[in-house]
Every structure is written in C-alpha cells, then in structure tokens.
Amino acid sequence: MPKILVVDDNNNAKICMERILKRQGYDVLSASDAQEAVKLIKAHEFDVVVADLVMEHDKAGLDILNAAKEKNELTEIIIITAYKNILPDAAFELGKKGIFALIEKDDENPYDLLCAKVKDAIQKKHIKSTSKQNFLKNILYGAGSVMDILAVSQSELQKFYHPDSSNESLSKYFKKVDD
C-alpha cells in the first residue's frame, strides 16, 4: 500500500486531505509543520509527500521537499498553496527542484485534483523505480554497450552486487556518467 505524508498547518485542510487519501486506500501520516514533517520523513519511507508551501515560514514547503528528495530521490512531491501571488516565482523554483505538481487550494475541486495527482505520482514513482532496477539488471546481465560506457569489468560489476565484499562499489562510475 503506497505511503503518503500530508503536511499542512491548517488543521481542517490537513484532516480533510488525510481522510480523502485514506478512503482511496493509501497509508497516510500527517504533520502540522515542516519540523514535524522532516522528522517523519527521516523515520519513514514515503511514496508521495503532499505539503503546503507556506506554513511557519515562507520556505517551509521547500524545506520539506529538500528533506524528502535527500532521503529518496524517487519520492514524488505535490505542493499545495492558497497564496496565488507567490505562485509564479514559487512554481519556477519548485519546478527546478523536481516537484510533481503544484495545486492551488482554491481550485474548483482541489481534493479531486489532489487524488488524481497522487495517483499519477505513485504511477510515476513506480515507473522510475522499475526503470532503475531494470537498468541495473541490464548492466549485470550483459548490456555490453552500458559496460563500455561505464568502462568497468565484469569483476567490478560483481563487487557492486555483493555489498558484503570489502571491495569498492560502482557508485564512482555512476557519478562519472551522471556528470
């Protein structure tokens, strides 16, 4: 069952989102501020984080986004806000940081939109996770062109897939490819 974190300092909005998402079959935890949310992020693995943008300070939503992406880059982030006047600047900054969606609380049907976006975000996370796993399997089982790009030998691949070995992992090679 996908796990969702809902963060909002407006208790009514938080409870409403939590109930709606639980009815959709999700495992939902909630927090009332960025500090509490960051603690939950450190303690749990979430598929999606739904966070208000402005809470105890103007960048609270960004703090939550950063903590979630630092813990697991595959976690999808949905930001909600009631502040239309900060949307253009915030949308640009949030987009650069990799949010999945930005929802205005005063949209015609914000909770319907939230449910649709959460469902889409979970599907996207599943696809990204599966793609990453398939990429690693292809490396191990003979994707010669990828091995050439990484310039590693079969023995180095074995070291990566046997973490109890005292040898180095391939993380340094993946970083080179990403750079």
C-alpha atoms as a PDB file:
ATOM      1  CA  MET A   1       0.000   0.000   0.000  1.00  0.00           C
ATOM      2  CA  PRO A   2       1.518   3.358  -1.022  1.00  0.00           C
ATOM      3  CA  LYS A   3       2.524   5.622   1.845  1.00  0.00           C
ATOM      4  CA  ILE A   4       1.646   9.325   1.755  1.00  0.00           C
ATOM      5  CA  LEU A   5       2.706  12.198   4.021  1.00  0.00           C
ATOM      6  CA  VAL A   6       0.310  15.158   4.260  1.00  0.00           C
ATOM      7  CA  VAL A   7       1.682  18.405   5.722  1.00  0.00           C
ATOM      8  CA  ASP A   8      -0.452  21.479   6.345  1.00  0.00           C
ATOM      9  CA  ASP A   9      -0.646  23.999   9.196  1.00  0.00           C
ATOM     10  CA  ASN A  10      -4.367  24.421   8.533  1.00  0.00           C
ATOM     11  CA  ASN A  11      -5.752  21.580  10.643  1.00  0.00           C
ATOM     12  CA  ASN A  12      -9.064  21.368   8.749  1.00  0.00           C
ATOM     13  CA  ALA A  13      -7.320  21.092   5.374  1.00  0.00           C
ATOM     14  CA  LYS A  14      -4.856  18.534   6.740  1.00  0.00           C
ATOM     15  CA  ILE A  15      -7.599  16.345   8.215  1.00  0.00           C
ATOM     16  CA  CYS A  16      -9.685  16.594   5.043  1.00  0.00           C
ATOM     17  CA  MET A  17      -6.760  15.574   2.792  1.00  0.00           C
ATOM     18  CA  GLU A  18      -5.809  12.774   5.170  1.00  0.00           C
ATOM     19  CA  ARG A  19      -9.352  11.346   5.200  1.00  0.00           C
ATOM     20  CA  ILE A  20      -9.799  11.580   1.444  1.00  0.00           C
ATOM     21  CA  LEU A  21      -6.495   9.846   0.749  1.00  0.00           C
ATOM     22  CA  LYS A  22      -7.192   7.124   3.328  1.00  0.00           C
ATOM     23  CA  ARG A  23     -10.519   6.458   1.585  1.00  0.00           C
ATOM     24  CA  GLN A  24      -8.545   5.985  -1.635  1.00  0.00           C
ATOM     25  CA  GLY A  25      -6.685   3.144   0.107  1.00  0.00           C
ATOM     26  CA  TYR A  26      -3.425   4.896   0.960  1.00  0.00           C
ATOM     27  CA  ASP A  27      -1.448   4.638   4.188  1.00  0.00           C
ATOM     28  CA  VAL A  28      -1.404   8.286   5.324  1.00  0.00           C
ATOM     29  CA  LEU A  29       0.587  10.082   8.006  1.00  0.00           C
ATOM     30  CA  SER A  30       0.282  13.796   8.673  1.00  0.00           C
ATOM     31  CA  ALA A  31       2.216  16.694  10.157  1.00  0.00           C
ATOM     32  CA  SER A  32       1.326  20.278  11.057  1.00  0.00           C
ATOM     33  CA  ASP A  33       4.652  21.953  10.252  1.00  0.00           C
ATOM     34  CA  ALA A  34       7.954  21.478   8.448  1.00  0.00           C
ATOM     35  CA  GLN A  35       9.860  20.348  11.543  1.00  0.00           C
ATOM     36  CA  GLU A  36       7.404  17.555  12.295  1.00  0.00           C
ATOM     37  CA  ALA A  37       7.333  16.594   8.601  1.00  0.00           C
ATOM     38  CA  VAL A  38      11.131  16.333   8.383  1.00  0.00           C
ATOM     39  CA  LYS A  39      11.154  14.041  11.447  1.00  0.00           C
ATOM     40  CA  LEU A  40       8.554  11.783   9.793  1.00  0.00           C
ATOM     41  CA  ILE A  41      10.499  11.794   6.519  1.00  0.00           C
ATOM     42  CA  LYS A  42      13.625  10.654   8.354  1.00  0.00           C
ATOM     43  CA  ALA A  43      11.696   7.886  10.135  1.00  0.00           C
ATOM     44  CA  HIS A  44       9.572   6.573   7.236  1.00  0.00           C
ATOM     45  CA  GLU A  45       9.766   5.849   3.519  1.00  0.00           C
ATOM     46  CA  PHE A  46       7.074   7.808   1.642  1.00  0.00           C
ATOM     47  CA  ASP A  47       5.947   7.356  -1.942  1.00  0.00           C
ATOM     48  CA  VAL A  48       4.397  10.826  -2.109  1.00  0.00           C
ATOM     49  CA  VAL A  49       4.627  13.916   0.092  1.00  0.00           C
ATOM     50  CA  VAL A  50       1.801  16.459  -0.106  1.00  0.00           C
ATOM     51  CA  ALA A  51       2.887  19.705   1.552  1.00  0.00           C
ATOM     52  CA  ASP A  52       1.569  23.216   1.979  1.00  0.00           C
ATOM     53  CA  LEU A  53       4.060  25.706   0.570  1.00  0.00           C
ATOM     54  CA  VAL A  54       3.776  28.429   3.219  1.00  0.00           C
ATOM     55  CA  MET A  55       3.442  27.411   6.853  1.00  0.00           C
ATOM     56  CA  GLU A  56       5.613  28.580   9.769  1.00  0.00           C
ATOM     57  CA  HIS A  57       7.767  30.449   7.244  1.00  0.00           C
ATOM     58  CA  ASP A  58       7.649  31.208   3.529  1.00  0.00           C
ATOM     59  CA  LYS A  59      10.023  28.387   2.560  1.00  0.00           C
ATOM     60  CA  ALA A  60       8.573  25.594   4.743  1.00  0.00           C
ATOM     61  CA  GLY A  61       7.394  23.663   1.682  1.00  0.00           C
ATOM     62  CA  LEU A  62      10.897  23.869   0.210  1.00  0.00           C
ATOM     63  CA  ASP A  63      12.401  22.531   3.444  1.00  0.00           C
ATOM     64  CA  ILE A  64      10.077  19.527   3.231  1.00  0.00           C
ATOM     65  CA  LEU A  65      10.806  18.997  -0.464  1.00  0.00           C
ATOM     66  CA  ASN A  66      14.565  19.078   0.165  1.00  0.00           C
ATOM     67  CA  ALA A  67      14.337  16.626   3.075  1.00  0.00           C
ATOM     68  CA  ALA A  68      12.184  14.192   1.088  1.00  0.00           C
ATOM     69  CA  LYS A  69      14.410  14.280  -2.012  1.00  0.00           C
ATOM     70  CA  GLU A  70      17.530  13.943   0.130  1.00  0.00           C
ATOM     71  CA  LYS A  71      16.123  10.800   1.747  1.00  0.00           C
ATOM     72  CA  ASN A  72      14.861   9.271  -1.513  1.00  0.00           C
ATOM     73  CA  GLU A  73      15.135  10.983  -4.878  1.00  0.00           C
ATOM     74  CA  LEU A  74      12.235   8.868  -6.177  1.00  0.00           C
ATOM     75  CA  THR A  75       9.748  10.342  -3.686  1.00  0.00           C
ATOM     76  CA  GLU A  76       7.230  12.464  -5.554  1.00  0.00           C
ATOM     77  CA  ILE A  77       6.297  15.862  -4.120  1.00  0.00           C
ATOM     78  CA  ILE A  78       2.967  17.650  -4.519  1.00  0.00           C
ATOM     79  CA  ILE A  79       2.891  21.228  -3.242  1.00  0.00           C
ATOM     80  CA  ILE A  80      -0.381  22.889  -2.304  1.00  0.00           C
ATOM     81  CA  THR A  81      -0.883  26.577  -1.612  1.00  0.00           C
ATOM     82  CA  ALA A  82      -3.525  29.228  -1.060  1.00  0.00           C
ATOM     83  CA  TYR A  83      -1.145  32.061  -1.988  1.00  0.00           C
ATOM     84  CA  LYS A  84      -1.719  32.854  -5.658  1.00  0.00           C
ATOM     85  CA  ASN A  85       0.542  35.909  -5.531  1.00  0.00           C
ATOM     86  CA  ILE A  86       3.677  33.790  -4.937  1.00  0.00           C
ATOM     87  CA  LEU A  87       2.854  31.109  -7.498  1.00  0.00           C
ATOM     88  CA  PRO A  88       4.895  32.363 -10.489  1.00  0.00           C
ATOM     89  CA  ASP A  89       8.168  32.658  -8.547  1.00  0.00           C
ATOM     90  CA  ALA A  90       7.495  29.584  -6.430  1.00  0.00           C
ATOM     91  CA  ALA A  91       6.479  27.461  -9.406  1.00  0.00           C
ATOM     92  CA  PHE A  92       9.764  28.189 -11.177  1.00  0.00           C
ATOM     93  CA  GLU A  93      11.888  27.398  -8.110  1.00  0.00           C
ATOM     94  CA  LEU A  94       9.865  24.302  -7.231  1.00  0.00           C
ATOM     95  CA  GLY A  95       9.995  23.073 -10.809  1.00  0.00           C
ATOM     96  CA  LYS A  96      13.786  23.235 -10.762  1.00  0.00           C
ATOM     97  CA  LYS A  97      13.770  21.113  -7.605  1.00  0.00           C
ATOM     98  CA  GLY A  98      11.606  18.430  -9.182  1.00  0.00           C
ATOM     99  CA  ILE A  99       8.098  18.697  -7.756  1.00  0.00           C
ATOM    100  CA  PHE A 100       5.464  16.536  -9.371  1.00  0.00           C
ATOM    101  CA  ALA A 101       2.561  19.016  -9.129  1.00  0.00           C
ATOM    102  CA  LEU A 102       1.530  22.382  -7.730  1.00  0.00           C
ATOM    103  CA  ILE A 103      -2.115  22.686  -6.633  1.00  0.00           C
ATOM    104  CA  GLU A 104      -3.951  25.849  -5.629  1.00  0.00           C
ATOM    105  CA  LYS A 105      -6.229  25.298  -2.646  1.00  0.00           C
ATOM    106  CA  ASP A 106      -8.933  27.442  -4.194  1.00  0.00           C
ATOM    107  CA  ASP A 107      -9.151  25.428  -7.432  1.00  0.00           C
ATOM    108  CA  GLU A 108     -12.708  24.390  -8.281  1.00  0.00           C
ATOM    109  CA  ASN A 109     -12.184  20.836  -6.979  1.00  0.00           C
ATOM    110  CA  PRO A 110      -8.807  20.799  -5.195  1.00  0.00           C
ATOM    111  CA  TYR A 111      -9.414  17.465  -3.461  1.00  0.00           C
ATOM    112  CA  ASP A 112     -10.413  15.696  -6.674  1.00  0.00           C
ATOM    113  CA  LEU A 113      -7.321  17.151  -8.301  1.00  0.00           C
ATOM    114  CA  LEU A 114      -5.217  16.047  -5.327  1.00  0.00           C
ATOM    115  CA  CYS A 115      -6.461  12.445  -5.604  1.00  0.00           C
ATOM    116  CA  ALA A 116      -5.726  12.389  -9.336  1.00  0.00           C
ATOM    117  CA  LYS A 117      -2.245  13.872  -8.850  1.00  0.00           C
ATOM    118  CA  VAL A 118      -1.395  11.448  -6.022  1.00  0.00           C
ATOM    119  CA  LYS A 119      -2.452   8.500  -8.193  1.00  0.00           C
ATOM    120  CA  ASP A 120      -0.342   9.820 -11.097  1.00  0.00           C
ATOM    121  CA  ALA A 121       2.626  10.479  -8.800  1.00  0.00           C
ATOM    122  CA  ILE A 122       2.541   6.922  -7.456  1.00  0.00           C
ATOM    123  CA  GLN A 123       2.467   5.550 -11.003  1.00  0.00           C
ATOM    124  CA  LYS A 124       5.408   7.761 -11.978  1.00  0.00           C
ATOM    125  CA  LYS A 125       7.404   6.669  -8.920  1.00  0.00           C
ATOM    126  CA  HIS A 126       6.715   3.023  -9.742  1.00  0.00           C
ATOM    127  CA  ILE A 127       7.883   3.518 -13.325  1.00  0.00           C
ATOM    128  CA  LYS A 128      11.059   5.316 -12.229  1.00  0.00           C
ATOM    129  CA  SER A 129      11.800   2.651  -9.627  1.00  0.00           C
ATOM    130  CA  THR A 130      11.245  -0.172 -12.114  1.00  0.00           C
ATOM    131  CA  SER A 131      13.384   1.579 -14.743  1.00  0.00           C
ATOM    132  CA  LYS A 132      16.240   1.988 -12.278  1.00  0.00           C
ATOM    133  CA  GLN A 133      16.041  -1.685 -11.300  1.00  0.00           C
ATOM    134  CA  ASN A 134      15.965  -2.767 -14.957  1.00  0.00           C
ATOM    135  CA  PHE A 135      18.938  -0.539 -15.751  1.00  0.00           C
ATOM    136  CA  LEU A 136      20.986  -2.197 -13.016  1.00  0.00           C
ATOM    137  CA  LYS A 137      19.897  -5.692 -14.109  1.00  0.00           C
ATOM    138  CA  ASN A 138      20.926  -4.914 -17.690  1.00  0.00           C
ATOM    139  CA  ILE A 139      24.368  -3.888 -16.521  1.00  0.00           C
ATOM    140  CA  LEU A 140      24.820  -7.112 -14.577  1.00  0.00           C
ATOM    141  CA  TYR A 141      23.481  -9.423 -17.269  1.00  0.00           C
ATOM    142  CA  GLY A 142      25.427  -8.307 -20.294  1.00  0.00           C
ATOM    143  CA  ALA A 143      24.392  -4.920 -21.621  1.00  0.00           C
ATOM    144  CA  GLY A 144      27.789  -4.566 -23.283  1.00  0.00           C
ATOM    145  CA  SER A 145      27.263  -1.041 -24.501  1.00  0.00           C
ATOM    146  CA  VAL A 146      26.457   0.170 -20.996  1.00  0.00           C
ATOM    147  CA  MET A 147      29.518  -1.658 -19.656  1.00  0.00           C
ATOM    148  CA  ASP A 148      31.633   0.041 -22.325  1.00  0.00           C
ATOM    149  CA  ILE A 149      30.255   3.431 -21.349  1.00  0.00           C
ATOM    150  CA  LEU A 150      30.983   2.759 -17.701  1.00  0.00           C
ATOM    151  CA  ALA A 151      34.374   1.235 -18.617  1.00  0.00           C
ATOM    152  CA  VAL A 152      34.139  -1.442 -15.960  1.00  0.00           C
ATOM    153  CA  SER A 153      34.935  -5.101 -15.991  1.00  0.00           C
ATOM    154  CA  GLN A 154      32.678  -7.996 -15.031  1.00  0.00           C
ATOM    155  CA  SER A 155      34.594  -8.424 -11.765  1.00  0.00           C
ATOM    156  CA  GLU A 156      33.876  -4.794 -10.838  1.00  0.00           C
ATOM    157  CA  LEU A 157      30.181  -5.377 -11.510  1.00  0.00           C
ATOM    158  CA  GLN A 158      30.293  -8.377  -9.163  1.00  0.00           C
ATOM    159  CA  LYS A 159      31.757  -6.182  -6.407  1.00  0.00           C
ATOM    160  CA  PHE A 160      28.816  -3.793  -6.787  1.00  0.00           C
ATOM    161  CA  TYR A 161      26.235  -6.565  -6.442  1.00  0.00           C
ATOM    162  CA  HIS A 162      27.891  -8.151  -3.411  1.00  0.00           C
ATOM    163  CA  PRO A 163      27.882  -5.433  -0.724  1.00  0.00           C
ATOM    164  CA  ASP A 164      29.315  -7.777   1.940  1.00  0.00           C
ATOM    165  CA  SER A 165      32.513  -7.803  -0.103  1.00  0.00           C
ATOM    166  CA  SER A 166      35.242  -5.438   1.079  1.00  0.00           C
ATOM    167  CA  ASN A 167      35.679  -4.079  -2.480  1.00  0.00           C
ATOM    168  CA  GLU A 168      34.550  -0.664  -3.728  1.00  0.00           C
ATOM    169  CA  SER A 169      31.087  -0.231  -5.246  1.00  0.00           C
ATOM    170  CA  LEU A 170      30.412   1.168  -8.690  1.00  0.00           C
ATOM    171  CA  SER A 171      28.987   4.397  -7.299  1.00  0.00           C
ATOM    172  CA  LYS A 172      32.032   6.326  -8.510  1.00  0.00           C
ATOM    173  CA  TYR A 173      31.382   5.084 -12.065  1.00  0.00           C
ATOM    174  CA  PHE A 174      27.713   6.067 -11.964  1.00  0.00           C
ATOM    175  CA  LYS A 175      28.699   9.550 -10.783  1.00  0.00           C
ATOM    176  CA  LYS A 176      31.035   9.903 -13.772  1.00  0.00           C
ATOM    177  CA  VAL A 177      28.226   9.005 -16.170  1.00  0.00           C
ATOM    178  CA  ASP A 178      25.811  11.437 -14.488  1.00  0.00           C
ATOM    179  CA  ASP A 179      28.302  14.345 -14.615  1.00  0.00           C
END
